[in-house]
């Protein structure tokens, strides 16, 4: 049975692999035997991530990518195939939010910046799924095999207060995931999504936790709504990403795998 989850000799690409969650998924894929291409804009952090992977015995490389630049993504796809081999799995982990696309308490939705809205959609939908899926999916379709894993969000399923643009953009990522799953199913390419619950990372840590490690008011609200009564740990996304990348999920496409400690199952 374990052979179903073995990624030995396969190449996995993590766009956004320099971040906290993307980095944890890169490590999980490497531990399952994959050669890992870490993609991102920050060469220093990319180099550090690759060094960590290599120290763990993983064949890895850093490939600079601006996920919002189609030419940059296409160039990386070509270089990765040349250096590491044909890509089997693509994890689209790039994304994020902007303060000016978030409604402060008491703010009026009608005053929300249209430019900030567009920027958040570009980052999460265009760079966070569309362009990498096109660049790497083209070769997967040609070979008749591959797995694309979009990183969506709990807020794409259940619109959260204040993060209006981010929630809408992640909902669009889920919709695109289902579209591509249907489009490429007969071509051997599976397309799924993972929706993490609340995982403290570089971008949201201050929103969830104070400097002393205690929870913010927002963090308390989330914990009280989460049956497991804690935030997720980045490495807890590893099982889902390895499963979706592997032959263990060979009949799974168009799905959204929720890893949230029960948050989405809770009402009152």
Protein backbone atom coordinates (compact mmCIF):
# COMPACT_ATOMS: atom_id res chain seq x y z
CA UNK A 1 0.00 0.00 0.00
CA UNK A 2 2.83 2.42 0.80
CA UNK A 3 3.96 2.30 -2.84
CA UNK A 4 0.78 4.22 -3.74
CA UNK A 5 2.20 7.24 -1.92
CA UNK A 6 5.78 6.90 -3.13
CA UNK A 7 6.93 9.86 -5.24
CA UNK A 8 10.42 8.50 -5.94
CA UNK A 9 11.80 9.58 -9.33
CA UNK A 10 9.02 12.15 -9.74
CA UNK A 11 9.44 15.91 -9.86
CA UNK A 12 7.27 18.21 -7.73
CA UNK A 13 7.14 21.98 -8.17
CA UNK A 14 6.04 24.26 -5.33
CA UNK A 15 5.32 27.79 -6.49
CA UNK A 16 5.48 29.79 -3.29
CA UNK A 17 7.82 27.22 -1.77
CA UNK A 18 9.75 29.95 0.03
CA UNK A 19 6.79 30.62 2.35
CA UNK A 20 5.84 28.87 5.57
CA UNK A 21 3.09 26.62 4.24
CA UNK A 22 4.64 26.13 0.80
CA UNK A 23 7.93 25.23 2.44
CA UNK A 24 6.31 22.63 4.68
CA UNK A 25 4.63 21.04 1.65
CA UNK A 26 7.94 21.04 -0.22
CA UNK A 27 9.48 19.09 2.67
CA UNK A 28 6.60 16.60 2.70
CA UNK A 29 6.92 15.97 -1.03
CA UNK A 30 10.67 15.54 -0.69
CA UNK A 31 10.23 13.10 2.21
CA UNK A 32 7.96 11.04 -0.06
CA UNK A 33 10.84 10.75 -2.54
CA UNK A 34 10.17 13.56 -5.00
CA UNK A 35 12.74 15.86 -6.49
CA UNK A 36 11.57 19.30 -5.45
CA UNK A 37 11.68 22.57 -7.38
CA UNK A 38 11.22 25.50 -5.01
CA UNK A 39 9.87 28.53 -6.87
CA UNK A 40 9.50 32.08 -5.61
CA UNK A 41 10.79 35.63 -5.85
CA UNK A 42 13.13 35.68 -2.87
CA UNK A 43 16.40 34.03 -3.88
CA UNK A 44 17.83 34.16 -0.36
CA UNK A 45 14.89 32.37 1.19
CA UNK A 46 14.79 30.00 -1.76
CA UNK A 47 18.42 29.08 -1.23
CA UNK A 48 17.79 28.49 2.47
CA UNK A 49 14.82 26.24 1.67
CA UNK A 50 16.85 24.20 -0.80
CA UNK A 51 19.68 23.84 1.73
CA UNK A 52 17.18 22.48 4.27
CA UNK A 53 15.81 20.02 1.74
CA UNK A 54 19.25 18.85 0.65
CA UNK A 55 20.27 18.39 4.27
CA UNK A 56 17.30 16.03 4.59
CA UNK A 57 18.54 14.06 1.57
CA UNK A 58 16.16 15.57 -0.98
CA UNK A 59 17.23 16.48 -4.51
CA UNK A 60 16.11 20.09 -4.82
CA UNK A 61 16.72 23.35 -6.63
CA UNK A 62 15.57 26.95 -6.43
CA UNK A 63 14.07 28.53 -9.54
CA UNK A 64 13.24 32.25 -9.43
CA UNK A 65 9.65 32.90 -10.45
CA UNK A 66 7.41 35.93 -10.53
CA UNK A 67 4.05 34.13 -10.54
CA UNK A 68 2.35 37.21 -12.02
CA UNK A 69 4.65 37.22 -15.06
CA UNK A 70 3.68 34.59 -17.65
CA UNK A 71 7.12 34.73 -19.24
CA UNK A 72 8.86 34.16 -15.91
CA UNK A 73 6.66 31.14 -15.12
CA UNK A 74 7.15 29.65 -18.60
CA UNK A 75 10.91 30.11 -18.35
CA UNK A 76 10.98 28.36 -14.97
CA UNK A 77 8.88 25.47 -16.30
CA UNK A 78 11.37 24.94 -19.12
CA UNK A 79 14.39 25.19 -16.81
CA UNK A 80 12.95 22.80 -14.23
CA UNK A 81 12.26 20.15 -16.84
CA UNK A 82 15.79 20.56 -18.16
CA UNK A 83 17.43 20.38 -14.72
CA UNK A 84 15.22 17.92 -12.83
CA UNK A 85 13.06 16.17 -15.40
CA UNK A 86 9.38 16.15 -16.41
CA UNK A 87 7.13 17.67 -13.77
CA UNK A 88 4.61 15.29 -12.22
CA UNK A 89 3.10 17.51 -9.49
CA UNK A 90 2.52 21.25 -9.29
CA UNK A 91 1.56 22.91 -6.01
CA UNK A 92 0.25 26.45 -6.43
CA UNK A 93 1.02 27.93 -3.01
CA UNK A 94 1.61 31.56 -3.99
CA UNK A 95 -0.94 34.03 -2.65
CA UNK A 96 -1.74 36.48 0.08
CA UNK A 97 -3.75 39.52 1.08
CA UNK A 98 -3.32 43.29 1.26
CA UNK A 99 -4.27 45.56 4.17
CA UNK A 100 -6.08 48.00 1.86
CA UNK A 101 -8.22 45.14 0.50
CA UNK A 102 -9.38 44.29 4.02
CA UNK A 103 -12.27 46.06 5.72
CA UNK A 104 -11.27 47.57 9.04
CA UNK A 105 -13.89 47.45 11.83
CA UNK A 106 -16.63 49.92 10.94
CA UNK A 107 -15.33 50.49 7.41
CA UNK A 108 -17.75 50.83 4.49
CA UNK A 109 -17.55 48.14 1.79
CA UNK A 110 -18.45 50.79 -0.80
CA UNK A 111 -15.17 52.57 -0.06
CA UNK A 112 -13.01 49.50 -0.75
CA UNK A 113 -10.19 50.24 -3.19
CA UNK A 114 -10.85 48.75 -6.62
CA UNK A 115 -7.12 48.60 -7.31
CA UNK A 116 -6.48 46.69 -4.10
CA UNK A 117 -9.28 44.29 -5.08
CA UNK A 118 -7.67 43.70 -8.48
CA UNK A 119 -4.24 43.23 -6.93
CA UNK A 120 -5.53 40.55 -4.54
CA UNK A 121 -7.31 38.74 -7.38
CA UNK A 122 -4.19 38.89 -9.52
CA UNK A 123 -2.01 37.52 -6.73
CA UNK A 124 -4.30 34.66 -5.69
CA UNK A 125 -6.09 33.72 -8.91
CA UNK A 126 -3.81 34.77 -11.77
CA UNK A 127 -0.43 34.19 -10.15
CA UNK A 128 -1.71 31.75 -7.55
CA UNK A 129 -3.28 29.34 -10.03
CA UNK A 130 -3.91 30.44 -13.62
CA UNK A 131 -0.43 31.18 -15.00
CA UNK A 132 1.43 28.27 -13.33
CA UNK A 133 -1.35 25.85 -14.28
CA UNK A 134 -1.05 26.96 -17.90
CA UNK A 135 2.75 26.82 -17.99
CA UNK A 136 3.19 23.44 -16.27
CA UNK A 137 -0.15 21.96 -17.33
CA UNK A 138 0.75 22.21 -21.00
CA UNK A 139 3.53 19.60 -20.65
CA UNK A 140 1.40 17.43 -18.33
CA UNK A 141 -1.39 17.31 -20.91
CA UNK A 142 1.10 16.49 -23.62
CA UNK A 143 2.49 13.57 -21.59
CA UNK A 144 -0.95 12.48 -20.38
CA UNK A 145 -0.09 12.55 -16.68
CA UNK A 146 0.17 14.99 -13.81
CA UNK A 147 -1.34 16.40 -10.64
CA UNK A 148 -2.05 20.07 -9.98
CA UNK A 149 -2.81 21.10 -6.41
CA UNK A 150 -4.15 24.59 -5.80
CA UNK A 151 -3.92 26.04 -2.31
CA UNK A 152 -7.25 27.67 -1.65
CA UNK A 153 -8.55 28.77 1.74
CA UNK A 154 -11.27 28.25 4.29
CA UNK A 155 -12.41 31.78 3.42
CA UNK A 156 -13.06 30.66 -0.16
CA UNK A 157 -15.71 28.28 1.18
CA UNK A 158 -17.09 30.39 4.01
CA UNK A 159 -16.56 34.12 3.39
CA UNK A 160 -14.90 35.48 6.51
CA UNK A 161 -15.57 38.93 7.89
CA UNK A 162 -13.26 41.75 6.75
CA UNK A 163 -11.11 39.78 4.25
CA UNK A 164 -13.58 40.33 1.44
CA UNK A 165 -11.27 40.45 -1.61
CA UNK A 166 -9.16 37.51 -0.41
CA UNK A 167 -12.26 35.40 0.26
CA UNK A 168 -13.68 36.13 -3.19
CA UNK A 169 -10.36 35.40 -4.89
CA UNK A 170 -9.97 32.05 -3.14
CA UNK A 171 -13.56 31.15 -4.08
CA UNK A 172 -12.50 31.79 -7.68
CA UNK A 173 -9.51 29.47 -7.20
CA UNK A 174 -11.89 26.70 -6.12
CA UNK A 175 -14.07 27.32 -9.16
CA UNK A 176 -11.06 27.25 -11.52
CA UNK A 177 -9.92 24.02 -9.85
CA UNK A 178 -13.19 22.31 -10.75
CA UNK A 179 -13.14 23.74 -14.27
CA UNK A 180 -9.63 22.43 -14.99
CA UNK A 181 -10.41 19.07 -13.39
CA UNK A 182 -13.24 18.60 -15.86
CA UNK A 183 -11.23 20.03 -18.77
CA UNK A 184 -8.20 17.78 -18.30
CA UNK A 185 -9.66 14.63 -16.74
CA UNK A 186 -9.51 12.60 -19.95
CA UNK A 187 -6.00 13.89 -20.63
CA UNK A 188 -4.59 12.24 -17.50
CA UNK A 189 -4.16 15.40 -15.43
CA UNK A 190 -5.84 15.62 -12.04
CA UNK A 191 -6.60 19.04 -10.52
CA UNK A 192 -7.55 19.41 -6.86
CA UNK A 193 -7.37 21.97 -4.09
CA UNK A 194 -6.42 22.04 -0.44
CA UNK A 195 -8.19 24.54 1.81
CA UNK A 196 -6.18 25.07 4.98
CA UNK A 197 -7.94 26.32 8.06
CA UNK A 198 -5.97 28.69 10.26
CA UNK A 199 -2.22 28.18 10.19
CA UNK A 200 -0.02 30.95 11.64
CA UNK A 201 2.43 32.00 8.94
CA UNK A 202 4.44 35.08 8.00
CA UNK A 203 1.47 37.00 6.59
CA UNK A 204 -1.18 36.36 9.23
CA UNK A 205 0.70 35.70 12.46
CA UNK A 206 0.14 39.20 13.88
CA UNK A 207 -3.56 38.94 13.08
CA UNK A 208 -3.84 35.73 15.10
CA UNK A 209 -1.24 36.01 17.85
CA UNK A 210 0.35 38.66 20.04
CA UNK A 211 4.11 38.96 20.47
CA UNK A 212 3.90 37.07 23.78
CA UNK A 213 2.22 34.09 22.10
CA UNK A 214 -1.27 34.81 23.39
CA UNK A 215 -4.19 34.99 21.00
CA UNK A 216 -5.49 38.25 19.59
CA UNK A 217 -9.22 38.93 19.74
CA UNK A 218 -9.51 37.55 16.19
CA UNK A 219 -7.41 34.54 17.17
CA UNK A 220 -9.67 33.83 20.17
CA UNK A 221 -12.73 33.93 17.93
CA UNK A 222 -11.17 31.40 15.57
CA UNK A 223 -9.99 29.06 18.34
CA UNK A 224 -13.43 29.12 19.94
CA UNK A 225 -14.93 28.12 16.57
CA UNK A 226 -12.41 25.29 16.01
CA UNK A 227 -13.33 21.96 17.65
CA UNK A 228 -9.67 20.97 18.03
CA UNK A 229 -9.07 24.24 19.94
CA UNK A 230 -5.79 25.13 18.27
CA UNK A 231 -4.28 26.47 15.08
CA UNK A 232 -2.82 24.11 12.52
CA UNK A 233 0.86 23.33 12.21
CA UNK A 234 2.36 23.79 8.73
CA UNK A 235 3.58 20.18 8.57
CA UNK A 236 -0.02 18.98 9.02
CA UNK A 237 -0.68 19.87 5.38
CA UNK A 238 1.91 17.31 4.30
CA UNK A 239 -0.34 14.27 4.27
CA UNK A 240 -2.93 15.90 2.04
CA UNK A 241 -0.42 17.24 -0.48
CA UNK A 242 1.49 13.95 -0.75
CA UNK A 243 -1.75 12.01 -1.17
CA UNK A 244 -3.04 14.30 -3.93
CA UNK A 245 0.32 14.20 -5.72
CA UNK A 246 0.56 10.41 -5.54
CA UNK A 247 -1.06 7.43 -7.21
CA UNK A 248 -2.99 6.96 -3.97
CA UNK A 249 -5.34 9.66 -5.28
CA UNK A 250 -5.45 8.38 -8.86
CA UNK A 251 -9.27 8.63 -9.05
CA UNK A 252 -9.50 11.95 -7.22
CA UNK A 253 -10.00 15.13 -9.22
CA UNK A 254 -12.02 18.31 -8.87
CA UNK A 255 -12.03 18.03 -5.07
CA UNK A 256 -11.32 20.46 -2.26
CA UNK A 257 -9.57 18.80 0.68
CA UNK A 258 -10.23 20.74 3.87
CA UNK A 259 -7.58 20.68 6.62
CA UNK A 260 -9.08 22.88 9.31
CA UNK A 261 -9.38 21.15 12.69
CA UNK A 262 -13.14 21.01 12.24
CA UNK A 263 -13.69 24.76 11.75
CA UNK A 264 -16.01 24.28 8.77
CA UNK A 265 -18.16 21.74 10.63
CA UNK A 266 -19.04 24.10 13.47
CA UNK A 267 -22.08 26.35 13.69
CA UNK A 268 -23.53 27.09 17.14
